[in-house]
PDB file of N, CA and C in Angstrom:
ATOM      1  N   GLU A   1      20.760  26.997   6.894  1.00  0.00           N
ATOM      2  CA  GLU A   1      21.891  26.409   7.707  1.00  0.00           C
ATOM      3  C   GLU A   1      21.690  26.222   9.059  1.00  0.00           C
ATOM      4  N   GLY A   2      22.156  25.101   9.612  1.00  0.00           N
ATOM      5  CA  GLY A   2      21.701  25.081  11.190  1.00  0.00           C
ATOM      6  C   GLY A   2      20.740  24.033  11.403  1.00  0.00           C
ATOM      7  N   ASN A   3      19.674  23.753  10.438  1.00  0.00           N
ATOM      8  CA  ASN A   3      18.726  22.777  10.716  1.00  0.00           C
ATOM      9  C   ASN A   3      18.869  21.743   9.387  1.00  0.00           C
ATOM     10  N   ASP A   4      19.840  21.602   9.083  1.00  0.00           N
ATOM     11  CA  ASP A   4      20.188  20.608   7.932  1.00  0.00           C
ATOM     12  C   ASP A   4      20.886  19.401   8.182  1.00  0.00           C
ATOM     13  N   THR A   5      21.057  18.294   7.498  1.00  0.00           N
ATOM     14  CA  THR A   5      21.642  17.103   7.986  1.00  0.00           C
ATOM     15  C   THR A   5      22.903  17.213   8.349  1.00  0.00           C
ATOM     16  N   TYR A   6      23.747  18.096   7.472  1.00  0.00           N
ATOM     17  CA  TYR A   6      25.084  18.285   7.757  1.00  0.00           C
ATOM     18  C   TYR A   6      25.349  18.968   9.089  1.00  0.00           C
ATOM     19  N   SER A   7      24.624  20.306   9.229  1.00  0.00           N
ATOM     20  CA  SER A   7      24.795  20.924  10.621  1.00  0.00           C
ATOM     21  C   SER A   7      24.403  19.956  11.605  1.00  0.00           C
ATOM     22  N   LEU A   8      23.350  19.377  11.596  1.00  0.00           N
ATOM     23  CA  LEU A   8      22.914  18.559  12.765  1.00  0.00           C
ATOM     24  C   LEU A   8      23.786  17.515  13.157  1.00  0.00           C
ATOM     25  N   ALA A   9      24.327  16.919  12.088  1.00  0.00           N
ATOM     26  CA  ALA A   9      25.530  15.677  12.483  1.00  0.00           C
ATOM     27  C   ALA A   9      26.582  16.374  13.162  1.00  0.00           C
ATOM     28  N   LYS A  10      27.062  17.398  12.592  1.00  0.00           N
ATOM     29  CA  LYS A  10      28.185  18.178  13.230  1.00  0.00           C
ATOM     30  C   LYS A  10      27.970  18.469  14.704  1.00  0.00           C
ATOM     31  N   LYS A  11      26.873  19.058  14.752  1.00  0.00           N
ATOM     32  CA  LYS A  11      26.363  19.636  16.310  1.00  0.00           C
ATOM     33  C   LYS A  11      26.406  18.204  17.165  1.00  0.00           C
ATOM     34  N   HIS A  12      25.793  17.149  16.513  1.00  0.00           N
ATOM     35  CA  HIS A  12      25.594  16.030  17.285  1.00  0.00           C
ATOM     36  C   HIS A  12      26.904  15.455  17.699  1.00  0.00           C
ATOM     37  N   GLN A  13      27.951  15.371  16.643  1.00  0.00           N
ATOM     38  CA  GLN A  13      29.175  14.851  16.852  1.00  0.00           C
ATOM     39  C   GLN A  13      30.000  15.653  18.025  1.00  0.00           C
ATOM     40  N   GLU A  14      29.820  17.037  17.946  1.00  0.00           N
ATOM     41  CA  GLU A  14      30.298  17.984  18.999  1.00  0.00           C
ATOM     42  C   GLU A  14      29.975  17.858  20.379  1.00  0.00           C
ATOM     43  N   SER A  15      28.532  17.388  20.323  1.00  0.00           N
ATOM     44  CA  SER A  15      27.785  17.193  21.654  1.00  0.00           C
ATOM     45  C   SER A  15      28.470  16.124  22.609  1.00  0.00           C
ATOM     46  N   GLY A  16      29.106  15.136  21.964  1.00  0.00           N
ATOM     47  CA  GLY A  16      29.698  13.863  22.829  1.00  0.00           C
ATOM     48  C   GLY A  16      28.400  12.919  23.277  1.00  0.00           C
ATOM     49  N   LYS A  17      27.126  13.159  22.782  1.00  0.00           N
ATOM     50  CA  LYS A  17      26.056  12.327  23.123  1.00  0.00           C
ATOM     51  C   LYS A  17      26.434  10.947  22.156  1.00  0.00           C
ATOM     52  N   GLU A  18      25.577   9.877  22.725  1.00  0.00           N
ATOM     53  CA  GLU A  18      25.673   8.563  22.067  1.00  0.00           C
ATOM     54  C   GLU A  18      24.758   8.898  20.725  1.00  0.00           C
ATOM     55  N   THR A  19      25.364   8.254  19.747  1.00  0.00           N
ATOM     56  CA  THR A  19      24.417   8.403  18.348  1.00  0.00           C
ATOM     57  C   THR A  19      23.633   7.306  18.070  1.00  0.00           C
ATOM     58  N   PRO A  20      22.490   7.592  17.913  1.00  0.00           N
ATOM     59  CA  PRO A  20      21.261   6.642  17.522  1.00  0.00           C
ATOM     60  C   PRO A  20      21.524   5.970  16.515  1.00  0.00           C
ATOM     61  N   LYS A  21      21.176   4.692  16.370  1.00  0.00           N
ATOM     62  CA  LYS A  21      21.467   3.792  15.072  1.00  0.00           C
ATOM     63  C   LYS A  21      21.171   4.303  14.048  1.00  0.00           C
ATOM     64  N   LEU A  22      21.798   4.514  12.972  1.00  0.00           N
ATOM     65  CA  LEU A  22      21.396   5.284  11.768  1.00  0.00           C
ATOM     66  C   LEU A  22      21.362   4.213  10.434  1.00  0.00           C
ATOM     67  N   LEU A  23      20.518   4.310   9.602  1.00  0.00           N
ATOM     68  CA  LEU A  23      20.518   3.507   8.440  1.00  0.00           C
ATOM     69  C   LEU A  23      20.067   4.565   7.384  1.00  0.00           C
ATOM     70  N   LEU A  24      21.142   4.614   6.389  1.00  0.00           N
ATOM     71  CA  LEU A  24      20.908   5.440   5.220  1.00  0.00           C
ATOM     72  C   LEU A  24      20.673   4.423   4.082  1.00  0.00           C
ATOM     73  N   TRP A  25      19.536   4.470   3.480  1.00  0.00           N
ATOM     74  CA  TRP A  25      19.092   3.618   2.307  1.00  0.00           C
ATOM     75  C   TRP A  25      18.726   4.413   1.052  1.00  0.00           C
ATOM     76  N   SER A  26      18.962   3.547  -0.115  1.00  0.00           N
ATOM     77  CA  SER A  26      18.578   4.180  -1.409  1.00  0.00           C
ATOM     78  C   SER A  26      18.523   3.042  -2.363  1.00  0.00           C
ATOM     79  N   GLY A  27      17.908   3.424  -3.531  1.00  0.00           N
ATOM     80  CA  GLY A  27      18.177   2.299  -4.817  1.00  0.00           C
ATOM     81  C   GLY A  27      19.433   2.841  -5.425  1.00  0.00           C
ATOM     82  N   ALA A  28      20.098   1.857  -6.007  1.00  0.00           N
ATOM     83  CA  ALA A  28      21.302   1.882  -6.742  1.00  0.00           C
ATOM     84  C   ALA A  28      21.177   2.648  -7.926  1.00  0.00           C
ATOM     85  N   GLU A  29      19.752   2.710  -8.255  1.00  0.00           N
ATOM     86  CA  GLU A  29      19.585   3.835  -9.739  1.00  0.00           C
ATOM     87  C   GLU A  29      18.989   5.234  -9.235  1.00  0.00           C
ATOM     88  N   ASP A  30      18.838   5.346  -7.997  1.00  0.00           N
ATOM     89  CA  ASP A  30      18.274   6.628  -7.654  1.00  0.00           C
ATOM     90  C   ASP A  30      19.354   7.777  -7.885  1.00  0.00           C
ATOM     91  N   PRO A  31      18.658   8.724  -8.478  1.00  0.00           N
ATOM     92  CA  PRO A  31      19.526   9.978  -8.797  1.00  0.00           C
ATOM     93  C   PRO A  31      20.162  10.721  -7.754  1.00  0.00           C
ATOM     94  N   ASN A  32      19.673  10.425  -6.385  1.00  0.00           N
ATOM     95  CA  ASN A  32      20.046  10.963  -5.174  1.00  0.00           C
ATOM     96  C   ASN A  32      21.285  10.413  -4.582  1.00  0.00           C
ATOM     97  N   LEU A  33      21.709   9.067  -5.217  1.00  0.00           N
ATOM     98  CA  LEU A  33      22.624   8.192  -4.746  1.00  0.00           C
ATOM     99  C   LEU A  33      23.989   8.951  -4.483  1.00  0.00           C
ATOM    100  N   SER A  34      24.450   9.673  -5.490  1.00  0.00           N
ATOM    101  CA  SER A  34      25.721  10.440  -5.261  1.00  0.00           C
ATOM    102  C   SER A  34      25.614  11.427  -3.933  1.00  0.00           C
ATOM    103  N   SER A  35      24.567  12.064  -3.956  1.00  0.00           N
ATOM    104  CA  SER A  35      24.327  12.879  -2.676  1.00  0.00           C
ATOM    105  C   SER A  35      24.369  11.997  -1.344  1.00  0.00           C
ATOM    106  N   ILE A  36      23.712  11.077  -1.343  1.00  0.00           N
ATOM    107  CA  ILE A  36      23.898  10.146  -0.243  1.00  0.00           C
ATOM    108  C   ILE A  36      25.073   9.537   0.265  1.00  0.00           C
ATOM    109  N   ARG A  37      25.973   9.235  -1.011  1.00  0.00           N
ATOM    110  CA  ARG A  37      27.342   8.674  -0.597  1.00  0.00           C
ATOM    111  C   ARG A  37      28.420  10.009  -0.235  1.00  0.00           C
ATOM    112  N   GLU A  38      27.809  11.111  -0.709  1.00  0.00           N
ATOM    113  CA  GLU A  38      28.580  12.182  -0.205  1.00  0.00           C
ATOM    114  C   GLU A  38      28.262  12.565   1.154  1.00  0.00           C
ATOM    115  N   TYR A  39      27.041  12.187   1.763  1.00  0.00           N
ATOM    116  CA  TYR A  39      26.960  12.315   2.993  1.00  0.00           C
ATOM    117  C   TYR A  39      27.493  11.322   3.991  1.00  0.00           C
ATOM    118  N   MET A  40      27.326  10.195   3.536  1.00  0.00           N
ATOM    119  CA  MET A  40      28.149   9.166   4.180  1.00  0.00           C
ATOM    120  C   MET A  40      29.571   9.436   4.335  1.00  0.00           C
ATOM    121  N   SER A  41      30.301   9.808   3.297  1.00  0.00           N
ATOM    122  CA  SER A  41      31.581  10.240   3.334  1.00  0.00           C
ATOM    123  C   SER A  41      31.717  11.217   4.578  1.00  0.00           C
ATOM    124  N   TYR A  42      30.830  12.136   4.607  1.00  0.00           N
ATOM    125  CA  TYR A  42      30.896  13.233   5.753  1.00  0.00           C
ATOM    126  C   TYR A  42      30.666  12.717   7.101  1.00  0.00           C
ATOM    127  N   LEU A  43      29.639  11.707   7.356  1.00  0.00           N
ATOM    128  CA  LEU A  43      29.657  11.073   8.513  1.00  0.00           C
ATOM    129  C   LEU A  43      30.930  10.232   8.915  1.00  0.00           C
ATOM    130  N   ASP A  44      31.479   9.736   7.913  1.00  0.00           N
ATOM    131  CA  ASP A  44      32.823   8.987   8.064  1.00  0.00           C
ATOM    132  C   ASP A  44      33.932   9.989   8.615  1.00  0.00           C
ATOM    133  N   LYS A  45      33.939  11.088   8.054  1.00  0.00           N
ATOM    134  CA  LYS A  45      34.834  12.191   8.516  1.00  0.00           C
ATOM    135  C   LYS A  45      34.665  12.524  10.190  1.00  0.00           C
ATOM    136  N   LEU A  46      33.253  12.516  10.366  1.00  0.00           N
ATOM    137  CA  LEU A  46      32.969  12.877  11.680  1.00  0.00           C
ATOM    138  C   LEU A  46      33.074  11.657  12.585  1.00  0.00           C
ATOM    139  N   ASP A  47      33.438  10.494  12.054  1.00  0.00           N
ATOM    140  CA  ASP A  47      33.460   9.357  12.786  1.00  0.00           C
ATOM    141  C   ASP A  47      32.003   8.943  13.532  1.00  0.00           C
ATOM    142  N   ILE A  48      31.006   9.194  12.632  1.00  0.00           N
ATOM    143  CA  ILE A  48      29.566   8.940  13.090  1.00  0.00           C
ATOM    144  C   ILE A  48      29.291   7.615  12.393  1.00  0.00           C
ATOM    145  N   GLU A  49      28.977   6.698  13.244  1.00  0.00           N
ATOM    146  CA  GLU A  49      28.585   5.303  12.646  1.00  0.00           C
ATOM    147  C   GLU A  49      27.270   5.189  12.026  1.00  0.00           C
ATOM    148  N   TYR A  50      27.187   4.472  11.010  1.00  0.00           N
ATOM    149  CA  TYR A  50      25.719   4.272  10.337  1.00  0.00           C
ATOM    150  C   TYR A  50      25.802   2.988   9.432  1.00  0.00           C
ATOM    151  N   ASP A  51      24.748   2.414   9.198  1.00  0.00           N
ATOM    152  CA  ASP A  51      24.563   1.198   8.446  1.00  0.00           C
ATOM    153  C   ASP A  51      24.023   1.865   7.042  1.00  0.00           C
ATOM    154  N   SER A  52      24.238   1.286   6.032  1.00  0.00           N
ATOM    155  CA  SER A  52      23.619   1.539   4.732  1.00  0.00           C
ATOM    156  C   SER A  52      22.974   0.369   3.990  1.00  0.00           C
ATOM    157  N   LEU A  53      21.933   0.702   3.217  1.00  0.00           N
ATOM    158  CA  LEU A  53      21.325  -0.304   2.453  1.00  0.00           C
ATOM    159  C   LEU A  53      20.984   0.194   1.115  1.00  0.00           C
ATOM    160  N   ILE A  54      21.869  -0.374   0.060  1.00  0.00           N
ATOM    161  CA  ILE A  54      21.717   0.450  -1.238  1.00  0.00           C
ATOM    162  C   ILE A  54      21.103  -1.013  -2.010  1.00  0.00           C
ATOM    163  N   VAL A  55      19.860  -0.767  -2.713  1.00  0.00           N
ATOM    164  CA  VAL A  55      19.218  -1.811  -3.453  1.00  0.00           C
ATOM    165  C   VAL A  55      19.553  -1.888  -5.016  1.00  0.00           C
ATOM    166  N   LYS A  56      20.142  -2.695  -5.578  1.00  0.00           N
ATOM    167  CA  LYS A  56      20.298  -2.834  -7.123  1.00  0.00           C
ATOM    168  C   LYS A  56      18.903  -2.689  -7.625  1.00  0.00           C
ATOM    169  N   GLY A  57      18.912  -2.089  -9.097  1.00  0.00           N
ATOM    170  CA  GLY A  57      17.472  -2.160  -9.951  1.00  0.00           C
ATOM    171  C   GLY A  57      16.461  -1.079  -9.334  1.00  0.00           C
ATOM    172  N   VAL A  58      16.744  -0.478  -8.299  1.00  0.00           N
ATOM    173  CA  VAL A  58      15.656   0.462  -7.638  1.00  0.00           C
ATOM    174  C   VAL A  58      16.105   1.920  -7.908  1.00  0.00           C
ATOM    175  N   ASP A  59      15.066   2.727  -8.441  1.00  0.00           N
ATOM    176  CA  ASP A  59      15.357   4.116  -8.679  1.00  0.00           C
ATOM    177  C   ASP A  59      14.767   4.820  -7.446  1.00  0.00           C
ATOM    178  N   HIS A  60      14.405   6.025  -7.458  1.00  0.00           N
ATOM    179  CA  HIS A  60      13.895   6.731  -6.447  1.00  0.00           C
ATOM    180  C   HIS A  60      12.270   6.495  -6.372  1.00  0.00           C
ATOM    181  N   ASN A  61      12.300   5.322  -5.731  1.00  0.00           N
ATOM    182  CA  ASN A  61      10.631   4.756  -5.590  1.00  0.00           C
ATOM    183  C   ASN A  61      10.770   3.825  -4.377  1.00  0.00           C
ATOM    184  N   PRO A  62      10.220   4.700  -3.163  1.00  0.00           N
ATOM    185  CA  PRO A  62      10.160   3.795  -2.087  1.00  0.00           C
ATOM    186  C   PRO A  62       9.125   2.644  -2.232  1.00  0.00           C
ATOM    187  N   PHE A  63       8.232   2.522  -3.135  1.00  0.00           N
ATOM    188  CA  PHE A  63       7.488   1.661  -2.797  1.00  0.00           C
ATOM    189  C   PHE A  63       8.016   0.239  -3.383  1.00  0.00           C
ATOM    190  N   ILE A  64       8.791   0.467  -4.610  1.00  0.00           N
ATOM    191  CA  ILE A  64       9.695  -0.584  -4.980  1.00  0.00           C
ATOM    192  C   ILE A  64      10.778  -1.172  -4.152  1.00  0.00           C
ATOM    193  N   PHE A  65      11.359  -0.128  -3.589  1.00  0.00           N
ATOM    194  CA  PHE A  65      12.474  -0.213  -2.434  1.00  0.00           C
ATOM    195  C   PHE A  65      11.826  -1.172  -1.371  1.00  0.00           C
ATOM    196  N   TYR A  66      10.582  -0.842  -1.048  1.00  0.00           N
ATOM    197  CA  TYR A  66      10.020  -1.664   0.298  1.00  0.00           C
ATOM    198  C   TYR A  66       9.592  -2.983  -0.291  1.00  0.00           C
ATOM    199  N   GLU A  67       9.291  -3.105  -1.511  1.00  0.00           N
ATOM    200  CA  GLU A  67       8.904  -4.521  -1.919  1.00  0.00           C
ATOM    201  C   GLU A  67      10.272  -5.266  -1.947  1.00  0.00           C
ATOM    202  N   GLN A  68      11.363  -4.813  -2.475  1.00  0.00           N
ATOM    203  CA  GLN A  68      12.632  -5.684  -2.533  1.00  0.00           C
ATOM    204  C   GLN A  68      13.368  -5.576  -1.145  1.00  0.00           C
ATOM    205  N   SER A  69      13.281  -4.756  -0.389  1.00  0.00           N
ATOM    206  CA  SER A  69      13.935  -5.038   0.828  1.00  0.00           C
ATOM    207  C   SER A  69      13.237  -4.391   2.354  1.00  0.00           C
ATOM    208  N   GLY A  70      11.975  -4.285   2.163  1.00  0.00           N
ATOM    209  CA  GLY A  70      11.323  -3.973   3.276  1.00  0.00           C
ATOM    210  C   GLY A  70      11.536  -4.668   4.412  1.00  0.00           C
ATOM    211  N   GLU A  71      11.859  -5.920   4.102  1.00  0.00           N
ATOM    212  CA  GLU A  71      12.088  -6.916   5.372  1.00  0.00           C
ATOM    213  C   GLU A  71      13.316  -6.563   6.120  1.00  0.00           C
ATOM    214  N   GLU A  72      14.286  -6.190   5.367  1.00  0.00           N
ATOM    215  CA  GLU A  72      15.949  -5.825   5.792  1.00  0.00           C
ATOM    216  C   GLU A  72      15.702  -4.429   6.884  1.00  0.00           C
ATOM    217  N   LEU A  73      14.688  -3.590   6.192  1.00  0.00           N
ATOM    218  CA  LEU A  73      14.230  -2.266   6.985  1.00  0.00           C
ATOM    219  C   LEU A  73      13.865  -2.589   8.244  1.00  0.00           C
ATOM    220  N   ILE A  74      12.551  -3.540   8.393  1.00  0.00           N
ATOM    221  CA  ILE A  74      11.986  -3.719   9.569  1.00  0.00           C
ATOM    222  C   ILE A  74      13.076  -4.430  10.622  1.00  0.00           C
ATOM    223  N   ARG A  75      13.798  -5.400  10.086  1.00  0.00           N
ATOM    224  CA  ARG A  75      14.888  -5.983  10.771  1.00  0.00           C
ATOM    225  C   ARG A  75      15.572  -4.964  11.616  1.00  0.00           C
ATOM    226  N   PHE A  76      16.083  -4.032  10.954  1.00  0.00           N
ATOM    227  CA  PHE A  76      16.992  -2.888  11.245  1.00  0.00           C
ATOM    228  C   PHE A  76      16.442  -2.163  12.641  1.00  0.00           C
ATOM    229  N   HIS A  77      15.033  -1.926  12.098  1.00  0.00           N
ATOM    230  CA  HIS A  77      14.027  -1.116  13.245  1.00  0.00           C
ATOM    231  C   HIS A  77      13.925  -2.178  14.488  1.00  0.00           C
ATOM    232  N   ALA A  78      13.518  -3.260  14.164  1.00  0.00           N
ATOM    233  CA  ALA A  78      13.471  -4.362  15.177  1.00  0.00           C
ATOM    234  C   ALA A  78      14.566  -4.383  16.164  1.00  0.00           C
ATOM    235  N   LYS A  79      15.617  -4.390  15.495  1.00  0.00           N
ATOM    236  CA  LYS A  79      16.983  -4.609  16.355  1.00  0.00           C
ATOM    237  C   LYS A  79      17.341  -3.466  17.173  1.00  0.00           C
ATOM    238  N   ASN A  80      16.768  -2.254  16.585  1.00  0.00           N
ATOM    239  CA  ASN A  80      17.477  -0.957  17.223  1.00  0.00           C
ATOM    240  C   ASN A  80      16.439  -0.170  17.762  1.00  0.00           C
ATOM    241  N   ASP A  81      15.362  -0.733  18.350  1.00  0.00           N
ATOM    242  CA  ASP A  81      14.290   0.024  18.833  1.00  0.00           C
ATOM    243  C   ASP A  81      14.466   0.593  20.189  1.00  0.00           C
TER     244      ASP A  81
END
């Protein structure tokens, strides 16, 4: 506790600092997607903005994710460097 994504998001929100651009990404078939959606809801409650990228037909495999949507990830980083 204190060094996890939930605690750090809350601490950041309370700091009043500008939020860096966030992108939460997952495959639609990833067994962790429900946890990711839960975290998105938490960020919504904190009024922390983020983008999300959920790719159909991809499970918990970053190689396949990058094959299908790597260009979108690179565009996000290039736009927000």
